[in-house]
Amino acid sequence: MGLYINKKNYPEVYKNNQSPKEPNQQLSRQDSLSELINEQQKANAALTEALAELGLRYSQQEESKINQWNQIDSQLQDLKQPVNKE
């Protein structure tokens, strides 16, 4: 929303014909609580991403282990079969 200037009653209020000099702010206030909250949100986002990646890796590892156990089971079944000597 822009600045409304009432030119009928107050024609000179908020009027500046010069361009602003930069930087026009010499002092800044920093709210440490806001900074802490922002840092915490960044940390939470990084942690969420890490947990998602960890879950994916766990699923992949679990699938790999199941395949290995299936191969071992197959090998054991082959060893259990009697050998036919002819």
PDB file of N, CA and C in Angstrom:
ATOM      1  N   MET A   1       0.854  -1.169   0.000  1.00  0.00           N
ATOM      2  CA  MET A   1       0.000   0.000   0.000  1.00  0.00           C
ATOM      3  C   MET A   1       0.896   1.227   0.000  1.00  0.00           C
ATOM      4  N   GLY A   2       0.612   2.166  -0.885  1.00  0.00           N
ATOM      5  CA  GLY A   2       1.424   3.358  -1.014  1.00  0.00           C
ATOM      6  C   GLY A   2       1.074   4.420   0.013  1.00  0.00           C
ATOM      7  N   LEU A   3       1.842   5.469  -0.002  1.00  0.00           N
ATOM      8  CA  LEU A   3       1.637   6.578   0.926  1.00  0.00           C
ATOM      9  C   LEU A   3       0.592   7.522   0.341  1.00  0.00           C
ATOM     10  N   TYR A   4      -0.420   7.852   1.137  1.00  0.00           N
ATOM     11  CA  TYR A   4      -1.461   8.779   0.690  1.00  0.00           C
ATOM     12  C   TYR A   4      -1.075  10.184   1.122  1.00  0.00           C
ATOM     13  N   ILE A   5      -1.056  11.096   0.175  1.00  0.00           N
ATOM     14  CA  ILE A   5      -0.757  12.494   0.465  1.00  0.00           C
ATOM     15  C   ILE A   5      -2.000  13.320   0.159  1.00  0.00           C
ATOM     16  N   ASN A   6      -2.495  14.010   1.174  1.00  0.00           N
ATOM     17  CA  ASN A   6      -3.660  14.870   1.010  1.00  0.00           C
ATOM     18  C   ASN A   6      -3.166  16.224   0.503  1.00  0.00           C
ATOM     19  N   LYS A   7      -3.239  16.441  -0.800  1.00  0.00           N
ATOM     20  CA  LYS A   7      -2.694  17.652  -1.401  1.00  0.00           C
ATOM     21  C   LYS A   7      -3.578  18.879  -1.176  1.00  0.00           C
ATOM     22  N   LYS A   8      -4.847  18.683  -0.865  1.00  0.00           N
ATOM     23  CA  LYS A   8      -5.732  19.828  -0.641  1.00  0.00           C
ATOM     24  C   LYS A   8      -5.440  20.507   0.688  1.00  0.00           C
ATOM     25  N   ASN A   9      -5.440  19.730   1.772  1.00  0.00           N
ATOM     26  CA  ASN A   9      -5.278  20.326   3.103  1.00  0.00           C
ATOM     27  C   ASN A   9      -3.817  20.491   3.510  1.00  0.00           C
ATOM     28  N   TYR A  10      -2.956  19.539   3.122  1.00  0.00           N
ATOM     29  CA  TYR A  10      -1.552  19.564   3.551  1.00  0.00           C
ATOM     30  C   TYR A  10      -0.647  19.284   2.351  1.00  0.00           C
ATOM     31  N   PRO A  11      -0.453  20.243   1.494  1.00  0.00           N
ATOM     32  CA  PRO A  11       0.299  19.989   0.260  1.00  0.00           C
ATOM     33  C   PRO A  11       1.796  19.754   0.478  1.00  0.00           C
ATOM     34  N   GLU A  12       2.353  20.247   1.575  1.00  0.00           N
ATOM     35  CA  GLU A  12       3.804  20.136   1.766  1.00  0.00           C
ATOM     36  C   GLU A  12       4.216  18.989   2.695  1.00  0.00           C
ATOM     37  N   VAL A  13       3.242  18.283   3.277  1.00  0.00           N
ATOM     38  CA  VAL A  13       3.582  17.203   4.196  1.00  0.00           C
ATOM     39  C   VAL A  13       4.098  16.010   3.394  1.00  0.00           C
ATOM     40  N   TYR A  14       5.151  15.385   3.848  1.00  0.00           N
ATOM     41  CA  TYR A  14       5.791  14.221   3.238  1.00  0.00           C
ATOM     42  C   TYR A  14       6.362  14.523   1.851  1.00  0.00           C
ATOM     43  N   LYS A  15       6.597  15.755   1.541  1.00  0.00           N
ATOM     44  CA  LYS A  15       7.101  16.091   0.220  1.00  0.00           C
ATOM     45  C   LYS A  15       8.601  16.311   0.302  1.00  0.00           C
ATOM     46  N   ASN A  16       9.336  15.638  -0.573  1.00  0.00           N
ATOM     47  CA  ASN A  16      10.780  15.771  -0.628  1.00  0.00           C
ATOM     48  C   ASN A  16      11.192  15.744  -2.088  1.00  0.00           C
ATOM     49  N   ASN A  17      11.801  16.786  -2.551  1.00  0.00           N
ATOM     50  CA  ASN A  17      12.209  16.865  -3.940  1.00  0.00           C
ATOM     51  C   ASN A  17      13.601  16.285  -4.167  1.00  0.00           C
ATOM     52  N   GLN A  18      14.316  15.989  -3.106  1.00  0.00           N
ATOM     53  CA  GLN A  18      15.665  15.444  -3.237  1.00  0.00           C
ATOM     54  C   GLN A  18      15.608  13.920  -3.161  1.00  0.00           C
ATOM     55  N   SER A  19      16.578  13.295  -3.791  1.00  0.00           N
ATOM     56  CA  SER A  19      16.646  11.835  -3.688  1.00  0.00           C
ATOM     57  C   SER A  19      17.296  11.477  -2.342  1.00  0.00           C
ATOM     58  N   PRO A  20      16.904  10.370  -1.753  1.00  0.00           N
ATOM     59  CA  PRO A  20      17.453  10.000  -0.453  1.00  0.00           C
ATOM     60  C   PRO A  20      18.922   9.621  -0.562  1.00  0.00           C
ATOM     61  N   LYS A  21      19.674   9.964   0.451  1.00  0.00           N
ATOM     62  CA  LYS A  21      21.094   9.628   0.502  1.00  0.00           C
ATOM     63  C   LYS A  21      21.228   8.246   1.116  1.00  0.00           C
ATOM     64  N   GLU A  22      22.009   7.423   0.471  1.00  0.00           N
ATOM     65  CA  GLU A  22      22.170   6.058   0.965  1.00  0.00           C
ATOM     66  C   GLU A  22      23.531   5.899   1.583  1.00  0.00           C
ATOM     67  N   PRO A  23      23.725   5.125   2.569  1.00  0.00           N
ATOM     68  CA  PRO A  23      22.707   4.460   3.370  1.00  0.00           C
ATOM     69  C   PRO A  23      22.020   5.456   4.288  1.00  0.00           C
ATOM     70  N   ASN A  24      20.736   5.341   4.401  1.00  0.00           N
ATOM     71  CA  ASN A  24      19.987   6.297   5.202  1.00  0.00           C
ATOM     72  C   ASN A  24      19.702   5.765   6.608  1.00  0.00           C
ATOM     73  N   GLN A  25      20.266   4.610   6.926  1.00  0.00           N
ATOM     74  CA  GLN A  25      20.088   4.076   8.271  1.00  0.00           C
ATOM     75  C   GLN A  25      21.466   3.875   8.880  1.00  0.00           C
ATOM     76  N   GLN A  26      21.729   4.541   9.958  1.00  0.00           N
ATOM     77  CA  GLN A  26      23.041   4.487  10.581  1.00  0.00           C
ATOM     78  C   GLN A  26      23.074   3.501  11.740  1.00  0.00           C
ATOM     79  N   LEU A  27      21.929   3.209  12.287  1.00  0.00           N
ATOM     80  CA  LEU A  27      21.859   2.335  13.438  1.00  0.00           C
ATOM     81  C   LEU A  27      20.791   1.283  13.195  1.00  0.00           C
ATOM     82  N   SER A  28      21.107   0.068  13.503  1.00  0.00           N
ATOM     83  CA  SER A  28      20.100  -0.976  13.355  1.00  0.00           C
ATOM     84  C   SER A  28      19.941  -1.708  14.677  1.00  0.00           C
ATOM     85  N   ARG A  29      18.730  -2.113  14.933  1.00  0.00           N
ATOM     86  CA  ARG A  29      18.450  -2.872  16.146  1.00  0.00           C
ATOM     87  C   ARG A  29      18.277  -4.324  15.764  1.00  0.00           C
ATOM     88  N   GLN A  30      18.880  -5.190  16.530  1.00  0.00           N
ATOM     89  CA  GLN A  30      18.756  -6.608  16.261  1.00  0.00           C
ATOM     90  C   GLN A  30      18.115  -7.273  17.464  1.00  0.00           C
ATOM     91  N   ASP A  31      17.095  -8.028  17.165  1.00  0.00           N
ATOM     92  CA  ASP A  31      16.387  -8.744  18.211  1.00  0.00           C
ATOM     93  C   ASP A  31      17.016 -10.130  18.332  1.00  0.00           C
ATOM     94  N   SER A  32      17.656 -10.391  19.459  1.00  0.00           N
ATOM     95  CA  SER A  32      18.361 -11.659  19.620  1.00  0.00           C
ATOM     96  C   SER A  32      17.401 -12.846  19.638  1.00  0.00           C
ATOM     97  N   LEU A  33      16.202 -12.645  20.148  1.00  0.00           N
ATOM     98  CA  LEU A  33      15.229 -13.730  20.156  1.00  0.00           C
ATOM     99  C   LEU A  33      14.818 -14.097  18.733  1.00  0.00           C
ATOM    100  N   SER A  34      14.606 -13.110  17.874  1.00  0.00           N
ATOM    101  CA  SER A  34      14.257 -13.382  16.476  1.00  0.00           C
ATOM    102  C   SER A  34      15.400 -14.106  15.768  1.00  0.00           C
ATOM    103  N   GLU A  35      16.623 -13.685  16.042  1.00  0.00           N
ATOM    104  CA  GLU A  35      17.774 -14.361  15.449  1.00  0.00           C
ATOM    105  C   GLU A  35      17.846 -15.805  15.917  1.00  0.00           C
ATOM    106  N   LEU A  36      17.611 -16.024  17.199  1.00  0.00           N
ATOM    107  CA  LEU A  36      17.630 -17.377  17.750  1.00  0.00           C
ATOM    108  C   LEU A  36      16.557 -18.243  17.103  1.00  0.00           C
ATOM    109  N   ILE A  37      15.361 -17.694  16.932  1.00  0.00           N
ATOM    110  CA  ILE A  37      14.268 -18.442  16.303  1.00  0.00           C
ATOM    111  C   ILE A  37      14.622 -18.778  14.859  1.00  0.00           C
ATOM    112  N   ASN A  38      15.197 -17.833  14.128  1.00  0.00           N
ATOM    113  CA  ASN A  38      15.590 -18.097  12.734  1.00  0.00           C
ATOM    114  C   ASN A  38      16.654 -19.185  12.664  1.00  0.00           C
ATOM    115  N   GLU A  39      17.640 -19.118  13.550  1.00  0.00           N
ATOM    116  CA  GLU A  39      18.686 -20.135  13.564  1.00  0.00           C
ATOM    117  C   GLU A  39      18.098 -21.495  13.935  1.00  0.00           C
ATOM    118  N   GLN A  40      17.153 -21.504  14.865  1.00  0.00           N
ATOM    119  CA  GLN A  40      16.521 -22.758  15.269  1.00  0.00           C
ATOM    120  C   GLN A  40      15.716 -23.348  14.115  1.00  0.00           C
ATOM    121  N   GLN A  41      15.037 -22.503  13.353  1.00  0.00           N
ATOM    122  CA  GLN A  41      14.278 -22.992  12.198  1.00  0.00           C
ATOM    123  C   GLN A  41      15.210 -23.591  11.151  1.00  0.00           C
ATOM    124  N   LYS A  42      16.361 -22.955  10.933  1.00  0.00           N
ATOM    125  CA  LYS A  42      17.332 -23.502   9.983  1.00  0.00           C
ATOM    126  C   LYS A  42      17.865 -24.839  10.482  1.00  0.00           C
ATOM    127  N   ALA A  43      18.157 -24.917  11.770  1.00  0.00           N
ATOM    128  CA  ALA A  43      18.651 -26.171  12.340  1.00  0.00           C
ATOM    129  C   ALA A  43      17.596 -27.264  12.247  1.00  0.00           C
ATOM    130  N   ASN A  44      16.343 -26.918  12.503  1.00  0.00           N
ATOM    131  CA  ASN A  44      15.253 -27.895  12.401  1.00  0.00           C
ATOM    132  C   ASN A  44      15.093 -28.394  10.964  1.00  0.00           C
ATOM    133  N   ALA A  45      15.216 -27.493  10.003  1.00  0.00           N
ATOM    134  CA  ALA A  45      15.099 -27.891   8.592  1.00  0.00           C
ATOM    135  C   ALA A  45      16.241 -28.835   8.216  1.00  0.00           C
ATOM    136  N   ALA A  46      17.453 -28.522   8.673  1.00  0.00           N
ATOM    137  CA  ALA A  46      18.595 -29.388   8.380  1.00  0.00           C
ATOM    138  C   ALA A  46      18.423 -30.750   9.045  1.00  0.00           C
ATOM    139  N   LEU A  47      17.923 -30.766  10.261  1.00  0.00           N
ATOM    140  CA  LEU A  47      17.698 -32.021  10.974  1.00  0.00           C
ATOM    141  C   LEU A  47      16.618 -32.852  10.293  1.00  0.00           C
ATOM    142  N   THR A  48      15.554 -32.219   9.850  1.00  0.00           N
ATOM    143  CA  THR A  48      14.489 -32.925   9.147  1.00  0.00           C
ATOM    144  C   THR A  48      15.016 -33.560   7.865  1.00  0.00           C
ATOM    145  N   GLU A  49      15.828 -32.811   7.141  1.00  0.00           N
ATOM    146  CA  GLU A  49      16.412 -33.331   5.903  1.00  0.00           C
ATOM    147  C   GLU A  49      17.333 -34.514   6.203  1.00  0.00           C
ATOM    148  N   ALA A  50      18.142 -34.396   7.258  1.00  0.00           N
ATOM    149  CA  ALA A  50      19.050 -35.476   7.623  1.00  0.00           C
ATOM    150  C   ALA A  50      18.278 -36.725   8.048  1.00  0.00           C
ATOM    151  N   LEU A  51      17.201 -36.537   8.784  1.00  0.00           N
ATOM    152  CA  LEU A  51      16.396 -37.687   9.205  1.00  0.00           C
ATOM    153  C   LEU A  51      15.722 -38.369   8.016  1.00  0.00           C
ATOM    154  N   ALA A  52      15.269 -37.588   7.054  1.00  0.00           N
ATOM    155  CA  ALA A  52      14.659 -38.163   5.860  1.00  0.00           C
ATOM    156  C   ALA A  52      15.687 -38.984   5.080  1.00  0.00           C
ATOM    157  N   GLU A  53      16.891 -38.459   4.956  1.00  0.00           N
ATOM    158  CA  GLU A  53      17.954 -39.187   4.257  1.00  0.00           C
ATOM    159  C   GLU A  53      18.339 -40.447   5.026  1.00  0.00           C
ATOM    160  N   LEU A  54      18.386 -40.343   6.342  1.00  0.00           N
ATOM    161  CA  LEU A  54      18.701 -41.505   7.168  1.00  0.00           C
ATOM    162  C   LEU A  54      17.640 -42.593   7.019  1.00  0.00           C
ATOM    163  N   GLY A  55      16.378 -42.206   6.970  1.00  0.00           N
ATOM    164  CA  GLY A  55      15.302 -43.168   6.763  1.00  0.00           C
ATOM    165  C   GLY A  55      15.424 -43.869   5.418  1.00  0.00           C
ATOM    166  N   LEU A  56      15.776 -43.111   4.382  1.00  0.00           N
ATOM    167  CA  LEU A  56      15.953 -43.684   3.055  1.00  0.00           C
ATOM    168  C   LEU A  56      17.104 -44.686   3.058  1.00  0.00           C
ATOM    169  N   ARG A  57      18.217 -44.300   3.665  1.00  0.00           N
ATOM    170  CA  ARG A  57      19.376 -45.193   3.725  1.00  0.00           C
ATOM    171  C   ARG A  57      19.070 -46.446   4.545  1.00  0.00           C
ATOM    172  N   TYR A  58      18.287 -46.299   5.605  1.00  0.00           N
ATOM    173  CA  TYR A  58      17.911 -47.448   6.420  1.00  0.00           C
ATOM    174  C   TYR A  58      17.072 -48.417   5.602  1.00  0.00           C
ATOM    175  N   SER A  59      16.137 -47.888   4.826  1.00  0.00           N
ATOM    176  CA  SER A  59      15.297 -48.742   3.979  1.00  0.00           C
ATOM    177  C   SER A  59      16.136 -49.488   2.955  1.00  0.00           C
ATOM    178  N   GLN A  60      17.095 -48.787   2.351  1.00  0.00           N
ATOM    179  CA  GLN A  60      17.967 -49.428   1.366  1.00  0.00           C
ATOM    180  C   GLN A  60      18.808 -50.519   2.017  1.00  0.00           C
ATOM    181  N   GLN A  61      19.327 -50.244   3.201  1.00  0.00           N
ATOM    182  CA  GLN A  61      20.147 -51.214   3.912  1.00  0.00           C
ATOM    183  C   GLN A  61      19.317 -52.431   4.313  1.00  0.00           C
ATOM    184  N   GLU A  62      18.100 -52.201   4.760  1.00  0.00           N
ATOM    185  CA  GLU A  62      17.225 -53.295   5.155  1.00  0.00           C
ATOM    186  C   GLU A  62      16.912 -54.195   3.952  1.00  0.00           C
ATOM    187  N   GLU A  63      16.647 -53.584   2.813  1.00  0.00           N
ATOM    188  CA  GLU A  63      16.380 -54.359   1.597  1.00  0.00           C
ATOM    189  C   GLU A  63      17.603 -55.173   1.194  1.00  0.00           C
ATOM    190  N   SER A  64      18.781 -54.569   1.305  1.00  0.00           N
ATOM    191  CA  SER A  64      20.017 -55.273   0.982  1.00  0.00           C
ATOM    192  C   SER A  64      20.221 -56.468   1.906  1.00  0.00           C
ATOM    193  N   LYS A  65      19.983 -56.294   3.186  1.00  0.00           N
ATOM    194  CA  LYS A  65      20.142 -57.394   4.147  1.00  0.00           C
ATOM    195  C   LYS A  65      19.134 -58.512   3.888  1.00  0.00           C
ATOM    196  N   ILE A  66      17.917 -58.166   3.534  1.00  0.00           N
ATOM    197  CA  ILE A  66      16.910 -59.188   3.214  1.00  0.00           C
ATOM    198  C   ILE A  66      17.359 -60.007   2.009  1.00  0.00           C
ATOM    199  N   ASN A  67      17.900 -59.339   1.000  1.00  0.00           N
ATOM    200  CA  ASN A  67      18.399 -60.053  -0.176  1.00  0.00           C
ATOM    201  C   ASN A  67      19.550 -60.983   0.189  1.00  0.00           C
ATOM    202  N   GLN A  68      20.456 -60.513   1.054  1.00  0.00           N
ATOM    203  CA  GLN A  68      21.578 -61.352   1.476  1.00  0.00           C
ATOM    204  C   GLN A  68      21.090 -62.577   2.246  1.00  0.00           C
ATOM    205  N   TRP A  69      20.116 -62.399   3.134  1.00  0.00           N
ATOM    206  CA  TRP A  69      19.587 -63.527   3.892  1.00  0.00           C
ATOM    207  C   TRP A  69      18.860 -64.508   2.973  1.00  0.00           C
ATOM    208  N   ASN A  70      18.179 -63.999   1.970  1.00  0.00           N
ATOM    209  CA  ASN A  70      17.519 -64.884   1.004  1.00  0.00           C
ATOM    210  C   ASN A  70      18.536 -65.710   0.226  1.00  0.00           C
ATOM    211  N   GLN A  71      19.657 -65.098  -0.131  1.00  0.00           N
ATOM    212  CA  GLN A  71      20.715 -65.829  -0.821  1.00  0.00           C
ATOM    213  C   GLN A  71      21.322 -66.898   0.088  1.00  0.00           C
ATOM    214  N   ILE A  72      21.547 -66.567   1.349  1.00  0.00           N
ATOM    215  CA  ILE A  72      22.085 -67.542   2.302  1.00  0.00           C
ATOM    216  C   ILE A  72      21.098 -68.689   2.483  1.00  0.00           C
ATOM    217  N   ASP A  73      19.812 -68.372   2.579  1.00  0.00           N
ATOM    218  CA  ASP A  73      18.786 -69.411   2.712  1.00  0.00           C
ATOM    219  C   ASP A  73      18.783 -70.318   1.490  1.00  0.00           C
ATOM    220  N   SER A  74      18.908 -69.747   0.324  1.00  0.00           N
ATOM    221  CA  SER A  74      18.946 -70.534  -0.911  1.00  0.00           C
ATOM    222  C   SER A  74      20.166 -71.448  -0.925  1.00  0.00           C
ATOM    223  N   GLN A  75      21.309 -70.935  -0.500  1.00  0.00           N
ATOM    224  CA  GLN A  75      22.517 -71.751  -0.449  1.00  0.00           C
ATOM    225  C   GLN A  75      22.377 -72.884   0.564  1.00  0.00           C
ATOM    226  N   LEU A  76      21.757 -72.608   1.699  1.00  0.00           N
ATOM    227  CA  LEU A  76      21.535 -73.649   2.699  1.00  0.00           C
ATOM    228  C   LEU A  76      20.589 -74.729   2.176  1.00  0.00           C
ATOM    229  N   GLN A  77      19.568 -74.319   1.448  1.00  0.00           N
ATOM    230  CA  GLN A  77      18.643 -75.285   0.864  1.00  0.00           C
ATOM    231  C   GLN A  77      19.362 -76.186  -0.148  1.00  0.00           C
ATOM    232  N   ASP A  78      20.271 -75.592  -0.910  1.00  0.00           N
ATOM    233  CA  ASP A  78      21.055 -76.376  -1.869  1.00  0.00           C
ATOM    234  C   ASP A  78      21.944 -77.374  -1.141  1.00  0.00           C
ATOM    235  N   LEU A  79      22.504 -76.983  -0.018  1.00  0.00           N
ATOM    236  CA  LEU A  79      23.365 -77.886   0.747  1.00  0.00           C
ATOM    237  C   LEU A  79      22.567 -79.009   1.400  1.00  0.00           C
ATOM    238  N   LYS A  80      21.315 -78.776   1.727  1.00  0.00           N
ATOM    239  CA  LYS A  80      20.484 -79.781   2.370  1.00  0.00           C
ATOM    240  C   LYS A  80      20.010 -80.869   1.409  1.00  0.00           C
ATOM    241  N   GLN A  81      19.959 -80.571   0.144  1.00  0.00           N
ATOM    242  CA  GLN A  81      19.479 -81.547  -0.834  1.00  0.00           C
ATOM    243  C   GLN A  81      20.480 -82.691  -0.939  1.00  0.00           C
ATOM    244  N   PRO A  82      19.965 -83.909  -0.976  1.00  0.00           N
ATOM    245  CA  PRO A  82      20.886 -85.048  -1.088  1.00  0.00           C
ATOM    246  C   PRO A  82      21.548 -85.109  -2.462  1.00  0.00           C
ATOM    247  N   VAL A  83      22.755 -85.571  -2.453  1.00  0.00           N
ATOM    248  CA  VAL A  83      23.519 -85.688  -3.697  1.00  0.00           C
ATOM    249  C   VAL A  83      23.242 -87.069  -4.281  1.00  0.00           C
ATOM    250  N   ASN A  84      22.819 -87.114  -5.528  1.00  0.00           N
ATOM    251  CA  ASN A  84      22.557 -88.385  -6.215  1.00  0.00           C
ATOM    252  C   ASN A  84      23.850 -88.883  -6.864  1.00  0.00           C
ATOM    253  N   LYS A  85      24.296 -90.075  -6.439  1.00  0.00           N
ATOM    254  CA  LYS A  85      25.488 -90.652  -7.053  1.00  0.00           C
ATOM    255  C   LYS A  85      25.039 -91.763  -7.986  1.00  0.00           C
ATOM    256  N   GLU A  86      25.376 -91.674  -9.225  1.00  0.00           N
ATOM    257  CA  GLU A  86      24.982 -92.689 -10.181  1.00  0.00           C
ATOM    258  C   GLU A  86      26.154 -93.317 -10.831  1.00  0.00           C
TER     259      GLU A  86
END
